[in-house]
Amino acid sequence: MTDFGLGLAAECRGDIAGARAHLAEMTARRRPGFTSPYQLAMLHTALHETDAALADLDRAAEAREGQVFYIKYDPIFDGIRSDARFLALEKRLGL
């Protein structure tokens, strides 16, 4: 299982420290290889880290990650959907 999957599973079971540890591992690997900004945004959103989630969503859009078009429907983003920055990203993506 990936750090993303393990991090999300940790958050779901209430292990916030474990989720943050997996998130840190994903972030540390970002430079030498590709770490999905969309997956980072999902994990940041689950941890209620809105600013970081929105920054990662912007990076996902800039990287033209196909998954970014799911923000309109992905329930993980329900908690940040009303944020003006999220709405601006949806508009920029033509959603």
PDB file of N, CA and C in Angstrom:
ATOM      1  N   MET A   1       0.853  -1.180   0.000  1.00  0.00           N
ATOM      2  CA  MET A   1       0.000   0.000   0.000  1.00  0.00           C
ATOM      3  C   MET A   1       0.894   1.237   0.000  1.00  0.00           C
ATOM      4  N   THR A   2       0.423   2.304  -0.624  1.00  0.00           N
ATOM      5  CA  THR A   2       1.189   3.539  -0.720  1.00  0.00           C
ATOM      6  C   THR A   2       1.078   4.358   0.555  1.00  0.00           C
ATOM      7  N   ASP A   3       1.957   5.346   0.673  1.00  0.00           N
ATOM      8  CA  ASP A   3       1.865   6.255   1.818  1.00  0.00           C
ATOM      9  C   ASP A   3       0.539   7.008   1.809  1.00  0.00           C
ATOM     10  N   PHE A   4       0.037   7.318   0.617  1.00  0.00           N
ATOM     11  CA  PHE A   4      -1.259   7.992   0.536  1.00  0.00           C
ATOM     12  C   PHE A   4      -2.352   7.116   1.154  1.00  0.00           C
ATOM     13  N   GLY A   5      -2.439   5.868   0.724  1.00  0.00           N
ATOM     14  CA  GLY A   5      -3.444   4.954   1.249  1.00  0.00           C
ATOM     15  C   GLY A   5      -3.287   4.725   2.737  1.00  0.00           C
ATOM     16  N   LEU A   6      -2.054   4.553   3.164  1.00  0.00           N
ATOM     17  CA  LEU A   6      -1.796   4.346   4.590  1.00  0.00           C
ATOM     18  C   LEU A   6      -2.128   5.596   5.394  1.00  0.00           C
ATOM     19  N   GLY A   7      -1.815   6.765   4.837  1.00  0.00           N
ATOM     20  CA  GLY A   7      -2.121   8.020   5.526  1.00  0.00           C
ATOM     21  C   GLY A   7      -3.612   8.242   5.659  1.00  0.00           C
ATOM     22  N   LEU A   8      -4.341   7.974   4.600  1.00  0.00           N
ATOM     23  CA  LEU A   8      -5.792   8.139   4.639  1.00  0.00           C
ATOM     24  C   LEU A   8      -6.430   7.135   5.599  1.00  0.00           C
ATOM     25  N   ALA A   9      -5.931   5.906   5.583  1.00  0.00           N
ATOM     26  CA  ALA A   9      -6.437   4.894   6.508  1.00  0.00           C
ATOM     27  C   ALA A   9      -6.150   5.296   7.958  1.00  0.00           C
ATOM     28  N   ALA A  10      -4.961   5.832   8.200  1.00  0.00           N
ATOM     29  CA  ALA A  10      -4.613   6.276   9.552  1.00  0.00           C
ATOM     30  C   ALA A  10      -5.550   7.388  10.006  1.00  0.00           C
ATOM     31  N   GLU A  11      -5.827   8.343   9.131  1.00  0.00           N
ATOM     32  CA  GLU A  11      -6.722   9.442   9.485  1.00  0.00           C
ATOM     33  C   GLU A  11      -8.120   8.911   9.775  1.00  0.00           C
ATOM     34  N   CYS A  12      -8.580   7.981   8.967  1.00  0.00           N
ATOM     35  CA  CYS A  12      -9.928   7.413   9.156  1.00  0.00           C
ATOM     36  C   CYS A  12     -10.075   6.700  10.496  1.00  0.00           C
ATOM     37  N   ARG A  13      -9.008   6.103  10.976  1.00  0.00           N
ATOM     38  CA  ARG A  13      -9.115   5.413  12.267  1.00  0.00           C
ATOM     39  C   ARG A  13      -8.732   6.322  13.440  1.00  0.00           C
ATOM     40  N   GLY A  14      -8.494   7.605  13.142  1.00  0.00           N
ATOM     41  CA  GLY A  14      -8.216   8.568  14.201  1.00  0.00           C
ATOM     42  C   GLY A  14      -6.759   8.704  14.580  1.00  0.00           C
ATOM     43  N   ASP A  15      -5.875   8.077  13.823  1.00  0.00           N
ATOM     44  CA  ASP A  15      -4.437   8.154  14.081  1.00  0.00           C
ATOM     45  C   ASP A  15      -3.860   9.347  13.315  1.00  0.00           C
ATOM     46  N   ILE A  16      -4.083  10.540  13.839  1.00  0.00           N
ATOM     47  CA  ILE A  16      -3.667  11.767  13.166  1.00  0.00           C
ATOM     48  C   ILE A  16      -2.145  11.837  13.047  1.00  0.00           C
ATOM     49  N   ALA A  17      -1.438  11.427  14.081  1.00  0.00           N
ATOM     50  CA  ALA A  17       0.030  11.441  14.032  1.00  0.00           C
ATOM     51  C   ALA A  17       0.525  10.509  12.925  1.00  0.00           C
ATOM     52  N   GLY A  18      -0.090   9.360  12.800  1.00  0.00           N
ATOM     53  CA  GLY A  18       0.298   8.426  11.747  1.00  0.00           C
ATOM     54  C   GLY A  18       0.003   8.986  10.370  1.00  0.00           C
ATOM     55  N   ALA A  19      -1.155   9.632  10.219  1.00  0.00           N
ATOM     56  CA  ALA A  19      -1.514  10.244   8.938  1.00  0.00           C
ATOM     57  C   ALA A  19      -0.517  11.328   8.564  1.00  0.00           C
ATOM     58  N   ARG A  20      -0.140  12.151   9.555  1.00  0.00           N
ATOM     59  CA  ARG A  20       0.833  13.220   9.281  1.00  0.00           C
ATOM     60  C   ARG A  20       2.212  12.647   8.949  1.00  0.00           C
ATOM     61  N   ALA A  21       2.559  11.533   9.556  1.00  0.00           N
ATOM     62  CA  ALA A  21       3.846  10.891   9.252  1.00  0.00           C
ATOM     63  C   ALA A  21       3.878  10.409   7.802  1.00  0.00           C
ATOM     64  N   HIS A  22       2.787   9.821   7.344  1.00  0.00           N
ATOM     65  CA  HIS A  22       2.720   9.369   5.945  1.00  0.00           C
ATOM     66  C   HIS A  22       2.704  10.562   4.992  1.00  0.00           C
ATOM     67  N   LEU A  23       2.022  11.626   5.381  1.00  0.00           N
ATOM     68  CA  LEU A  23       2.006  12.837   4.579  1.00  0.00           C
ATOM     69  C   LEU A  23       3.416  13.422   4.474  1.00  0.00           C
ATOM     70  N   ALA A  24       4.144  13.430   5.582  1.00  0.00           N
ATOM     71  CA  ALA A  24       5.525  13.931   5.575  1.00  0.00           C
ATOM     72  C   ALA A  24       6.399  13.081   4.663  1.00  0.00           C
ATOM     73  N   GLU A  25       6.189  11.788   4.673  1.00  0.00           N
ATOM     74  CA  GLU A  25       6.955  10.890   3.808  1.00  0.00           C
ATOM     75  C   GLU A  25       6.654  11.182   2.337  1.00  0.00           C
ATOM     76  N   MET A  26       5.386  11.418   2.022  1.00  0.00           N
ATOM     77  CA  MET A  26       5.012  11.750   0.645  1.00  0.00           C
ATOM     78  C   MET A  26       5.652  13.073   0.217  1.00  0.00           C
ATOM     79  N   THR A  27       5.621  14.046   1.100  1.00  0.00           N
ATOM     80  CA  THR A  27       6.173  15.362   0.799  1.00  0.00           C
ATOM     81  C   THR A  27       7.690  15.297   0.628  1.00  0.00           C
ATOM     82  N   ALA A  28       8.347  14.501   1.439  1.00  0.00           N
ATOM     83  CA  ALA A  28       9.808  14.359   1.342  1.00  0.00           C
ATOM     84  C   ALA A  28      10.212  13.760   0.002  1.00  0.00           C
ATOM     85  N   ARG A  29       9.386  12.893  -0.540  1.00  0.00           N
ATOM     86  CA  ARG A  29       9.688  12.246  -1.823  1.00  0.00           C
ATOM     87  C   ARG A  29       9.305  13.106  -3.019  1.00  0.00           C
ATOM     88  N   ARG A  30       8.655  14.226  -2.782  1.00  0.00           N
ATOM     89  CA  ARG A  30       8.145  15.033  -3.885  1.00  0.00           C
ATOM     90  C   ARG A  30       9.256  15.484  -4.820  1.00  0.00           C
ATOM     91  N   ARG A  31      10.418  15.824  -4.292  1.00  0.00           N
ATOM     92  CA  ARG A  31      11.479  16.365  -5.133  1.00  0.00           C
ATOM     93  C   ARG A  31      12.091  15.335  -6.087  1.00  0.00           C
ATOM     94  N   PRO A  32      12.540  14.177  -5.611  1.00  0.00           N
ATOM     95  CA  PRO A  32      13.202  13.265  -6.542  1.00  0.00           C
ATOM     96  C   PRO A  32      12.263  12.546  -7.504  1.00  0.00           C
ATOM     97  N   GLY A  33      11.012  12.406  -7.173  1.00  0.00           N
ATOM     98  CA  GLY A  33      10.079  11.699  -8.039  1.00  0.00           C
ATOM     99  C   GLY A  33       8.750  12.413  -8.038  1.00  0.00           C
ATOM    100  N   PHE A  34       7.780  11.801  -8.653  1.00  0.00           N
ATOM    101  CA  PHE A  34       6.463  12.428  -8.714  1.00  0.00           C
ATOM    102  C   PHE A  34       5.601  11.948  -7.560  1.00  0.00           C
ATOM    103  N   THR A  35       5.120  12.895  -6.799  1.00  0.00           N
ATOM    104  CA  THR A  35       4.106  12.634  -5.789  1.00  0.00           C
ATOM    105  C   THR A  35       2.882  13.418  -6.221  1.00  0.00           C
ATOM    106  N   SER A  36       1.773  12.775  -6.310  1.00  0.00           N
ATOM    107  CA  SER A  36       0.552  13.399  -6.801  1.00  0.00           C
ATOM    108  C   SER A  36       0.100  14.549  -5.899  1.00  0.00           C
ATOM    109  N   PRO A  37       0.093  15.780  -6.426  1.00  0.00           N
ATOM    110  CA  PRO A  37      -0.439  16.891  -5.639  1.00  0.00           C
ATOM    111  C   PRO A  37      -1.904  16.684  -5.276  1.00  0.00           C
ATOM    112  N   TYR A  38      -2.642  15.986  -6.143  1.00  0.00           N
ATOM    113  CA  TYR A  38      -4.050  15.722  -5.861  1.00  0.00           C
ATOM    114  C   TYR A  38      -4.182  14.828  -4.627  1.00  0.00           C
ATOM    115  N   GLN A  39      -3.350  13.800  -4.543  1.00  0.00           N
ATOM    116  CA  GLN A  39      -3.393  12.923  -3.372  1.00  0.00           C
ATOM    117  C   GLN A  39      -2.952  13.663  -2.118  1.00  0.00           C
ATOM    118  N   LEU A  40      -1.953  14.525  -2.248  1.00  0.00           N
ATOM    119  CA  LEU A  40      -1.550  15.348  -1.105  1.00  0.00           C
ATOM    120  C   LEU A  40      -2.719  16.230  -0.661  1.00  0.00           C
ATOM    121  N   ALA A  41      -3.439  16.807  -1.631  1.00  0.00           N
ATOM    122  CA  ALA A  41      -4.589  17.659  -1.303  1.00  0.00           C
ATOM    123  C   ALA A  41      -5.667  16.868  -0.577  1.00  0.00           C
ATOM    124  N   MET A  42      -5.897  15.640  -1.014  1.00  0.00           N
ATOM    125  CA  MET A  42      -6.906  14.808  -0.352  1.00  0.00           C
ATOM    126  C   MET A  42      -6.529  14.555   1.104  1.00  0.00           C
ATOM    127  N   LEU A  43      -5.277  14.242   1.330  1.00  0.00           N
ATOM    128  CA  LEU A  43      -4.830  13.953   2.692  1.00  0.00           C
ATOM    129  C   LEU A  43      -4.839  15.219   3.553  1.00  0.00           C
ATOM    130  N   HIS A  44      -4.403  16.344   2.988  1.00  0.00           N
ATOM    131  CA  HIS A  44      -4.461  17.608   3.734  1.00  0.00           C
ATOM    132  C   HIS A  44      -5.911  17.967   4.077  1.00  0.00           C
ATOM    133  N   THR A  45      -6.824  17.721   3.149  1.00  0.00           N
ATOM    134  CA  THR A  45      -8.234  18.011   3.411  1.00  0.00           C
ATOM    135  C   THR A  45      -8.757  17.132   4.540  1.00  0.00           C
ATOM    136  N   ALA A  46      -8.416  15.853   4.504  1.00  0.00           N
ATOM    137  CA  ALA A  46      -8.858  14.934   5.553  1.00  0.00           C
ATOM    138  C   ALA A  46      -8.336  15.366   6.922  1.00  0.00           C
ATOM    139  N   LEU A  47      -7.154  16.006   6.932  1.00  0.00           N
ATOM    140  CA  LEU A  47      -6.557  16.477   8.183  1.00  0.00           C
ATOM    141  C   LEU A  47      -6.984  17.908   8.530  1.00  0.00           C
ATOM    142  N   HIS A  48      -7.940  18.447   7.764  1.00  0.00           N
ATOM    143  CA  HIS A  48      -8.473  19.795   7.981  1.00  0.00           C
ATOM    144  C   HIS A  48      -7.395  20.870   7.819  1.00  0.00           C
ATOM    145  N   GLU A  49      -6.497  20.653   6.883  1.00  0.00           N
ATOM    146  CA  GLU A  49      -5.429  21.612   6.573  1.00  0.00           C
ATOM    147  C   GLU A  49      -5.768  22.267   5.233  1.00  0.00           C
ATOM    148  N   THR A  50      -6.729  23.188   5.297  1.00  0.00           N
ATOM    149  CA  THR A  50      -7.321  23.770   4.095  1.00  0.00           C
ATOM    150  C   THR A  50      -6.309  24.512   3.232  1.00  0.00           C
ATOM    151  N   ASP A  51      -5.474  25.345   3.826  1.00  0.00           N
ATOM    152  CA  ASP A  51      -4.517  26.122   3.036  1.00  0.00           C
ATOM    153  C   ASP A  51      -3.587  25.209   2.242  1.00  0.00           C
ATOM    154  N   ALA A  52      -3.072  24.183   2.895  1.00  0.00           N
ATOM    155  CA  ALA A  52      -2.173  23.245   2.212  1.00  0.00           C
ATOM    156  C   ALA A  52      -2.930  22.464   1.138  1.00  0.00           C
ATOM    157  N   ALA A  53      -4.170  22.077   1.426  1.00  0.00           N
ATOM    158  CA  ALA A  53      -4.970  21.333   0.449  1.00  0.00           C
ATOM    159  C   ALA A  53      -5.198  22.162  -0.804  1.00  0.00           C
ATOM    160  N   LEU A  54      -5.548  23.421  -0.623  1.00  0.00           N
ATOM    161  CA  LEU A  54      -5.808  24.275  -1.776  1.00  0.00           C
ATOM    162  C   LEU A  54      -4.531  24.560  -2.568  1.00  0.00           C
ATOM    163  N   ALA A  55      -3.420  24.705  -1.884  1.00  0.00           N
ATOM    164  CA  ALA A  55      -2.146  24.887  -2.587  1.00  0.00           C
ATOM    165  C   ALA A  55      -1.824  23.646  -3.418  1.00  0.00           C
ATOM    166  N   ASP A  56      -2.070  22.477  -2.851  1.00  0.00           N
ATOM    167  CA  ASP A  56      -1.823  21.231  -3.591  1.00  0.00           C
ATOM    168  C   ASP A  56      -2.780  21.088  -4.774  1.00  0.00           C
ATOM    169  N   LEU A  57      -4.034  21.494  -4.606  1.00  0.00           N
ATOM    170  CA  LEU A  57      -4.971  21.443  -5.725  1.00  0.00           C
ATOM    171  C   LEU A  57      -4.529  22.371  -6.849  1.00  0.00           C
ATOM    172  N   ASP A  58      -3.999  23.531  -6.492  1.00  0.00           N
ATOM    173  CA  ASP A  58      -3.451  24.430  -7.513  1.00  0.00           C
ATOM    174  C   ASP A  58      -2.301  23.765  -8.257  1.00  0.00           C
ATOM    175  N   ARG A  59      -1.423  23.093  -7.505  1.00  0.00           N
ATOM    176  CA  ARG A  59      -0.297  22.379  -8.142  1.00  0.00           C
ATOM    177  C   ARG A  59      -0.809  21.256  -9.036  1.00  0.00           C
ATOM    178  N   ALA A  60      -1.865  20.566  -8.607  1.00  0.00           N
ATOM    179  CA  ALA A  60      -2.438  19.491  -9.419  1.00  0.00           C
ATOM    180  C   ALA A  60      -2.983  20.054 -10.728  1.00  0.00           C
ATOM    181  N   ALA A  61      -3.615  21.219 -10.661  1.00  0.00           N
ATOM    182  CA  ALA A  61      -4.140  21.851 -11.871  1.00  0.00           C
ATOM    183  C   ALA A  61      -2.999  22.280 -12.792  1.00  0.00           C
ATOM    184  N   GLU A  62      -1.940  22.863 -12.209  1.00  0.00           N
ATOM    185  CA  GLU A  62      -0.789  23.289 -12.999  1.00  0.00           C
ATOM    186  C   GLU A  62      -0.091  22.105 -13.656  1.00  0.00           C
ATOM    187  N   ALA A  63      -0.065  20.971 -12.964  1.00  0.00           N
ATOM    188  CA  ALA A  63       0.570  19.764 -13.498  1.00  0.00           C
ATOM    189  C   ALA A  63      -0.352  19.029 -14.476  1.00  0.00           C
ATOM    190  N   ARG A  64      -1.564  19.555 -14.630  1.00  0.00           N
ATOM    191  CA  ARG A  64      -2.568  18.945 -15.516  1.00  0.00           C
ATOM    192  C   ARG A  64      -2.884  17.500 -15.122  1.00  0.00           C
ATOM    193  N   GLU A  65      -2.938  17.287 -13.816  1.00  0.00           N
ATOM    194  CA  GLU A  65      -3.312  15.970 -13.308  1.00  0.00           C
ATOM    195  C   GLU A  65      -4.773  15.707 -13.648  1.00  0.00           C
ATOM    196  N   GLY A  66      -5.054  14.603 -14.284  1.00  0.00           N
ATOM    197  CA  GLY A  66      -6.411  14.283 -14.689  1.00  0.00           C
ATOM    198  C   GLY A  66      -7.392  14.215 -13.534  1.00  0.00           C
ATOM    199  N   GLN A  67      -6.903  13.778 -12.384  1.00  0.00           N
ATOM    200  CA  GLN A  67      -7.781  13.622 -11.217  1.00  0.00           C
ATOM    201  C   GLN A  67      -8.371  14.942 -10.747  1.00  0.00           C
ATOM    202  N   VAL A  68      -7.716  16.060 -11.051  1.00  0.00           N
ATOM    203  CA  VAL A  68      -8.155  17.346 -10.526  1.00  0.00           C
ATOM    204  C   VAL A  68      -9.575  17.683 -10.976  1.00  0.00           C
ATOM    205  N   PHE A  69     -10.014  17.109 -12.083  1.00  0.00           N
ATOM    206  CA  PHE A  69     -11.366  17.379 -12.551  1.00  0.00           C
ATOM    207  C   PHE A  69     -12.432  16.696 -11.688  1.00  0.00           C
ATOM    208  N   TYR A  70     -12.012  15.819 -10.780  1.00  0.00           N
ATOM    209  CA  TYR A  70     -12.947  15.168  -9.856  1.00  0.00           C
ATOM    210  C   TYR A  70     -13.288  16.042  -8.653  1.00  0.00           C
ATOM    211  N   ILE A  71     -12.634  17.196  -8.493  1.00  0.00           N
ATOM    212  CA  ILE A  71     -12.903  18.021  -7.312  1.00  0.00           C
ATOM    213  C   ILE A  71     -14.368  18.428  -7.228  1.00  0.00           C
ATOM    214  N   LYS A  72     -15.010  18.507  -8.342  1.00  0.00           N
ATOM    215  CA  LYS A  72     -16.428  18.907  -8.365  1.00  0.00           C
ATOM    216  C   LYS A  72     -17.305  17.884  -7.644  1.00  0.00           C
ATOM    217  N   TYR A  73     -16.875  16.612  -7.647  1.00  0.00           N
ATOM    218  CA  TYR A  73     -17.717  15.535  -7.127  1.00  0.00           C
ATOM    219  C   TYR A  73     -17.108  14.738  -5.980  1.00  0.00           C
ATOM    220  N   ASP A  74     -15.804  14.829  -5.790  1.00  0.00           N
ATOM    221  CA  ASP A  74     -15.136  14.018  -4.768  1.00  0.00           C
ATOM    222  C   ASP A  74     -15.590  14.465  -3.382  1.00  0.00           C
ATOM    223  N   PRO A  75     -16.255  13.588  -2.635  1.00  0.00           N
ATOM    224  CA  PRO A  75     -16.802  13.984  -1.334  1.00  0.00           C
ATOM    225  C   PRO A  75     -15.751  14.390  -0.309  1.00  0.00           C
ATOM    226  N   ILE A  76     -14.502  14.024  -0.519  1.00  0.00           N
ATOM    227  CA  ILE A  76     -13.480  14.410   0.462  1.00  0.00           C
ATOM    228  C   ILE A  76     -13.334  15.929   0.524  1.00  0.00           C
ATOM    229  N   PHE A  77     -13.704  16.623  -0.568  1.00  0.00           N
ATOM    230  CA  PHE A  77     -13.562  18.077  -0.603  1.00  0.00           C
ATOM    231  C   PHE A  77     -14.815  18.819  -0.151  1.00  0.00           C
ATOM    232  N   ASP A  78     -15.816  18.109   0.347  1.00  0.00           N
ATOM    233  CA  ASP A  78     -17.052  18.759   0.791  1.00  0.00           C
ATOM    234  C   ASP A  78     -16.785  19.852   1.828  1.00  0.00           C
ATOM    235  N   GLY A  79     -15.835  19.630   2.706  1.00  0.00           N
ATOM    236  CA  GLY A  79     -15.550  20.584   3.775  1.00  0.00           C
ATOM    237  C   GLY A  79     -14.895  21.877   3.319  1.00  0.00           C
ATOM    238  N   ILE A  80     -14.324  21.888   2.113  1.00  0.00           N
ATOM    239  CA  ILE A  80     -13.662  23.103   1.628  1.00  0.00           C
ATOM    240  C   ILE A  80     -14.336  23.649   0.366  1.00  0.00           C
ATOM    241  N   ARG A  81     -15.404  23.015  -0.040  1.00  0.00           N
ATOM    242  CA  ARG A  81     -16.079  23.370  -1.285  1.00  0.00           C
ATOM    243  C   ARG A  81     -16.563  24.820  -1.326  1.00  0.00           C
ATOM    244  N   SER A  82     -16.907  25.397  -0.175  1.00  0.00           N
ATOM    245  CA  SER A  82     -17.423  26.770  -0.144  1.00  0.00           C
ATOM    246  C   SER A  82     -16.310  27.820  -0.042  1.00  0.00           C
ATOM    247  N   ASP A  83     -15.071  27.393   0.108  1.00  0.00           N
ATOM    248  CA  ASP A  83     -13.940  28.325   0.191  1.00  0.00           C
ATOM    249  C   ASP A  83     -13.799  29.055  -1.153  1.00  0.00           C
ATOM    250  N   ALA A  84     -13.612  30.356  -1.111  1.00  0.00           N
ATOM    251  CA  ALA A  84     -13.509  31.165  -2.329  1.00  0.00           C
ATOM    252  C   ALA A  84     -12.384  30.677  -3.242  1.00  0.00           C
ATOM    253  N   ARG A  85     -11.293  30.203  -2.661  1.00  0.00           N
ATOM    254  CA  ARG A  85     -10.173  29.711  -3.472  1.00  0.00           C
ATOM    255  C   ARG A  85     -10.548  28.429  -4.205  1.00  0.00           C
ATOM    256  N   PHE A  86     -11.339  27.580  -3.562  1.00  0.00           N
ATOM    257  CA  PHE A  86     -11.814  26.354  -4.187  1.00  0.00           C
ATOM    258  C   PHE A  86     -12.748  26.695  -5.347  1.00  0.00           C
ATOM    259  N   LEU A  87     -13.667  27.631  -5.106  1.00  0.00           N
ATOM    260  CA  LEU A  87     -14.600  28.057  -6.147  1.00  0.00           C
ATOM    261  C   LEU A  87     -13.857  28.671  -7.331  1.00  0.00           C
ATOM    262  N   ALA A  88     -12.805  29.444  -7.045  1.00  0.00           N
ATOM    263  CA  ALA A  88     -12.009  30.045  -8.116  1.00  0.00           C
ATOM    264  C   ALA A  88     -11.293  28.948  -8.927  1.00  0.00           C
ATOM    265  N   LEU A  89     -10.812  27.920  -8.251  1.00  0.00           N
ATOM    266  CA  LEU A  89     -10.153  26.810  -8.951  1.00  0.00           C
ATOM    267  C   LEU A  89     -11.157  26.082  -9.851  1.00  0.00           C
ATOM    268  N   GLU A  90     -12.352  25.832  -9.338  1.00  0.00           N
ATOM    269  CA  GLU A  90     -13.383  25.194 -10.158  1.00  0.00           C
ATOM    270  C   GLU A  90     -13.654  26.024 -11.417  1.00  0.00           C
ATOM    271  N   LYS A  91     -13.757  27.323 -11.239  1.00  0.00           N
ATOM    272  CA  LYS A  91     -14.018  28.204 -12.372  1.00  0.00           C
ATOM    273  C   LYS A  91     -12.858  28.174 -13.366  1.00  0.00           C
ATOM    274  N   ARG A  92     -11.643  28.216 -12.837  1.00  0.00           N
ATOM    275  CA  ARG A  92     -10.451  28.180 -13.698  1.00  0.00           C
ATOM    276  C   ARG A  92     -10.381  26.883 -14.500  1.00  0.00           C
ATOM    277  N   LEU A  93     -10.863  25.780 -13.905  1.00  0.00           N
ATOM    278  CA  LEU A  93     -10.868  24.482 -14.576  1.00  0.00           C
ATOM    279  C   LEU A  93     -12.071  24.300 -15.506  1.00  0.00           C
ATOM    280  N   GLY A  94     -12.983  25.263 -15.479  1.00  0.00           N
ATOM    281  CA  GLY A  94     -14.165  25.165 -16.322  1.00  0.00           C
ATOM    282  C   GLY A  94     -15.222  24.232 -15.786  1.00  0.00           C
ATOM    283  N   LEU A  95     -15.213  24.044 -14.463  1.00  0.00           N
ATOM    284  CA  LEU A  95     -16.200  23.167 -13.839  1.00  0.00           C
ATOM    285  C   LEU A  95     -17.379  24.003 -13.385  1.00  0.00           C
TER     286      LEU A  95
END
